[in-house]
């Protein structure tokens, strides 16, 4: 009796194994490469947009700072003018008070002289 070889049945054949491992591997490689290039493209576009926004923002900030400086300078000039006007008013008021005091003293002297002359 010839010996018969017992055939061991494999669970998977070679083409099945190739299909089992190669197809998902190829799918993952294609998916990851597509994701990488799409993400890289989006990042490049966003970097360009961000640089534009930064440029516009820096111009806006510079303009706003210049406007603030102009407003601050105008305010300080007005404050200086107000201080000068108040100083002039204070000086005039002091002069007027002095004149009023002199006039009051003169009138008091006249009243005293008249009352002294009236008593005699």
C-alpha atoms as a PDB file:
ATOM      1  CA  UNK A   1       0.000   0.000   0.000  1.00  0.00           C
ATOM      2  CA  UNK A   2       1.319   3.140  -1.144  1.00  0.00           C
ATOM      3  CA  UNK A   3       1.491   5.741   1.369  1.00  0.00           C
ATOM      4  CA  UNK A   4      -0.733   8.590   0.735  1.00  0.00           C
ATOM      5  CA  UNK A   5       0.401  11.950   1.701  1.00  0.00           C
ATOM      6  CA  UNK A   6      -1.872  13.603   4.022  1.00  0.00           C
ATOM      7  CA  UNK A   7      -2.573  16.995   2.659  1.00  0.00           C
ATOM      8  CA  UNK A   8      -2.603  19.688   5.223  1.00  0.00           C
ATOM      9  CA  UNK A   9      -5.228  22.137   4.387  1.00  0.00           C
ATOM     10  CA  UNK A  10      -4.083  25.669   4.756  1.00  0.00           C
ATOM     11  CA  UNK A  11      -6.499  28.118   6.177  1.00  0.00           C
ATOM     12  CA  UNK A  12      -5.637  30.677   3.523  1.00  0.00           C
ATOM     13  CA  UNK A  13      -4.118  30.341   0.137  1.00  0.00           C
ATOM     14  CA  UNK A  14      -1.376  32.589  -1.064  1.00  0.00           C
ATOM     15  CA  UNK A  15      -3.670  34.845  -3.172  1.00  0.00           C
ATOM     16  CA  UNK A  16      -6.025  35.147  -0.239  1.00  0.00           C
ATOM     17  CA  UNK A  17      -3.168  36.193   2.045  1.00  0.00           C
ATOM     18  CA  UNK A  18      -2.005  38.769  -0.491  1.00  0.00           C
ATOM     19  CA  UNK A  19      -5.518  40.150  -0.702  1.00  0.00           C
ATOM     20  CA  UNK A  20      -5.854  40.060   3.068  1.00  0.00           C
ATOM     21  CA  UNK A  21      -2.689  42.069   3.799  1.00  0.00           C
ATOM     22  CA  UNK A  22      -1.816  43.977   0.639  1.00  0.00           C
ATOM     23  CA  UNK A  23      -5.170  45.625  -0.020  1.00  0.00           C
ATOM     24  CA  UNK A  24      -5.518  47.220   3.454  1.00  0.00           C
ATOM     25  CA  UNK A  25      -1.852  48.214   3.376  1.00  0.00           C
ATOM     26  CA  UNK A  26      -2.228  49.902  -0.002  1.00  0.00           C
ATOM     27  CA  UNK A  27      -5.439  51.568   1.198  1.00  0.00           C
ATOM     28  CA  UNK A  28      -3.713  52.931   4.305  1.00  0.00           C
ATOM     29  CA  UNK A  29      -0.718  54.179   2.291  1.00  0.00           C
ATOM     30  CA  UNK A  30      -2.956  55.960  -0.232  1.00  0.00           C
ATOM     31  CA  UNK A  31      -5.154  57.396   2.550  1.00  0.00           C
ATOM     32  CA  UNK A  32      -2.218  58.679   4.589  1.00  0.00           C
ATOM     33  CA  UNK A  33      -0.469  60.185   1.581  1.00  0.00           C
ATOM     34  CA  UNK A  34      -3.686  61.897   0.499  1.00  0.00           C
ATOM     35  CA  UNK A  35      -4.248  63.186   4.040  1.00  0.00           C
ATOM     36  CA  UNK A  36      -0.652  64.465   4.191  1.00  0.00           C
ATOM     37  CA  UNK A  37      -0.821  66.355   0.906  1.00  0.00           C
ATOM     38  CA  UNK A  38      -4.286  67.798   1.592  1.00  0.00           C
ATOM     39  CA  UNK A  39      -3.227  68.904   5.057  1.00  0.00           C
ATOM     40  CA  UNK A  40       0.000  70.389   3.704  1.00  0.00           C
ATOM     41  CA  UNK A  41      -1.972  72.310   1.083  1.00  0.00           C
ATOM     42  CA  UNK A  42      -4.420  73.618   3.704  1.00  0.00           C
ATOM     43  CA  UNK A  43      -1.568  74.631   6.003  1.00  0.00           C
ATOM     44  CA  UNK A  44       0.107  76.517   3.180  1.00  0.00           C
ATOM     45  CA  UNK A  45      -3.119  78.383   2.394  1.00  0.00           C
ATOM     46  CA  UNK A  46      -3.691  79.172   6.063  1.00  0.00           C
ATOM     47  CA  UNK A  47      -0.117  80.427   6.457  1.00  0.00           C
ATOM     48  CA  UNK A  48      -0.648  82.814   3.543  1.00  0.00           C
ATOM     49  CA  UNK A  49      -3.941  84.007   5.054  1.00  0.00           C
ATOM     50  CA  UNK A  50      -2.312  84.455   8.463  1.00  0.00           C
ATOM     51  CA  UNK A  51       0.543  86.496   7.040  1.00  0.00           C
ATOM     52  CA  UNK A  52      -1.999  88.722   5.267  1.00  0.00           C
ATOM     53  CA  UNK A  53      -3.990  89.125   8.476  1.00  0.00           C
ATOM     54  CA  UNK A  54      -0.836  89.931  10.460  1.00  0.00           C
ATOM     55  CA  UNK A  55       0.165  92.552   7.907  1.00  0.00           C
ATOM     56  CA  UNK A  56      -3.278  94.145   7.978  1.00  0.00           C
ATOM     57  CA  UNK A  57      -3.374  94.008  11.768  1.00  0.00           C
ATOM     58  CA  UNK A  58       0.038  95.631  12.117  1.00  0.00           C
ATOM     59  CA  UNK A  59      -1.019  98.414   9.748  1.00  0.00           C
ATOM     60  CA  UNK A  60      -4.240  98.900  11.703  1.00  0.00           C
ATOM     61  CA  UNK A  61      -2.372  98.949  15.013  1.00  0.00           C
ATOM     62  CA  UNK A  62       0.144 101.449  13.659  1.00  0.00           C
ATOM     63  CA  UNK A  63      -2.650 103.683  12.346  1.00  0.00           C
ATOM     64  CA  UNK A  64      -4.503 103.434  15.636  1.00  0.00           C
ATOM     65  CA  UNK A  65      -1.329 104.268  17.588  1.00  0.00           C
ATOM     66  CA  UNK A  66      -0.688 107.304  15.367  1.00  0.00           C
ATOM     67  CA  UNK A  67      -4.274 108.447  15.855  1.00  0.00           C
ATOM     68  CA  UNK A  68      -3.912 108.060  19.627  1.00  0.00           C
ATOM     69  CA  UNK A  69      -0.695 110.075  19.572  1.00  0.00           C
ATOM     70  CA  UNK A  70      -2.409 112.861  17.615  1.00  0.00           C
ATOM     71  CA  UNK A  71      -5.336 112.854  20.036  1.00  0.00           C
ATOM     72  CA  UNK A  72      -2.998 112.824  23.042  1.00  0.00           C
ATOM     73  CA  UNK A  73      -0.962 115.722  21.619  1.00  0.00           C
ATOM     74  CA  UNK A  74      -4.120 117.726  20.868  1.00  0.00           C
ATOM     75  CA  UNK A  75      -5.406 117.044  24.390  1.00  0.00           C
ATOM     76  CA  UNK A  76      -2.122 118.112  25.983  1.00  0.00           C
ATOM     77  CA  UNK A  77      -2.036 121.266  23.832  1.00  0.00           C
ATOM     78  CA  UNK A  78      -5.581 122.086  24.934  1.00  0.00           C
ATOM     79  CA  UNK A  79      -4.659 121.426  28.569  1.00  0.00           C
ATOM     80  CA  UNK A  80      -1.700 123.791  28.236  1.00  0.00           C
ATOM     81  CA  UNK A  81      -3.940 126.442  26.682  1.00  0.00           C
ATOM     82  CA  UNK A  82      -6.504 126.003  29.483  1.00  0.00           C
ATOM     83  CA  UNK A  83      -3.738 126.313  32.082  1.00  0.00           C
ATOM     84  CA  UNK A  84      -2.463 129.512  30.440  1.00  0.00           C
ATOM     85  CA  UNK A  85      -5.955 131.015  30.290  1.00  0.00           C
ATOM     86  CA  UNK A  86      -6.614 130.088  33.923  1.00  0.00           C
ATOM     87  CA  UNK A  87      -3.281 131.661  34.885  1.00  0.00           C
ATOM     88  CA  UNK A  88      -4.248 134.887  33.106  1.00  0.00           C
ATOM     89  CA  UNK A  89      -7.666 134.873  34.764  1.00  0.00           C
ATOM     90  CA  UNK A  90      -6.063 134.259  38.147  1.00  0.00           C
ATOM     91  CA  UNK A  91      -3.645 137.133  37.582  1.00  0.00           C
ATOM     92  CA  UNK A  92      -6.465 139.460  36.500  1.00  0.00           C
ATOM     93  CA  UNK A  93      -8.538 138.390  39.494  1.00  0.00           C
ATOM     94  CA  UNK A  94      -5.623 139.074  41.830  1.00  0.00           C
ATOM     95  CA  UNK A  95      -5.141 142.514  40.268  1.00  0.00           C
ATOM     96  CA  UNK A  96      -8.882 143.205  40.478  1.00  0.00           C
ATOM     97  CA  UNK A  97      -8.960 142.122  44.146  1.00  0.00           C
ATOM     98  CA  UNK A  98      -5.985 144.363  44.895  1.00  0.00           C
ATOM     99  CA  UNK A  99      -7.680 147.302  43.143  1.00  0.00           C
ATOM    100  CA  UNK A 100     -10.899 146.561  45.009  1.00  0.00           C
ATOM    101  CA  UNK A 101      -9.026 146.481  48.325  1.00  0.00           C
ATOM    102  CA  UNK A 102      -7.340 149.807  47.511  1.00  0.00           C
ATOM    103  CA  UNK A 103     -10.684 151.302  46.482  1.00  0.00           C
ATOM    104  CA  UNK A 104     -12.332 150.005  49.687  1.00  0.00           C
ATOM    105  CA  UNK A 105      -9.528 151.411  51.822  1.00  0.00           C
ATOM    106  CA  UNK A 106      -9.803 154.763  50.021  1.00  0.00           C
ATOM    107  CA  UNK A 107     -13.561 154.805  50.521  1.00  0.00           C
ATOM    108  CA  UNK A 108     -13.178 153.901  54.193  1.00  0.00           C
ATOM    109  CA  UNK A 109     -10.688 156.758  54.617  1.00  0.00           C
ATOM    110  CA  UNK A 110     -13.116 159.141  52.895  1.00  0.00           C
ATOM    111  CA  UNK A 111     -15.966 157.969  55.093  1.00  0.00           C
ATOM    112  CA  UNK A 112     -13.805 158.380  58.172  1.00  0.00           C
ATOM    113  CA  UNK A 113     -12.714 161.882  57.064  1.00  0.00           C
ATOM    114  CA  UNK A 114     -16.287 162.859  56.271  1.00  0.00           C
ATOM    115  CA  UNK A 115     -17.570 161.532  59.586  1.00  0.00           C
ATOM    116  CA  UNK A 116     -14.748 163.303  61.440  1.00  0.00           C
ATOM    117  CA  UNK A 117     -15.505 166.523  59.580  1.00  0.00           C
ATOM    118  CA  UNK A 118     -19.205 166.074  60.257  1.00  0.00           C
ATOM    119  CA  UNK A 119     -18.620 165.790  63.980  1.00  0.00           C
ATOM    120  CA  UNK A 120     -16.692 168.969  64.199  1.00  0.00           C
END
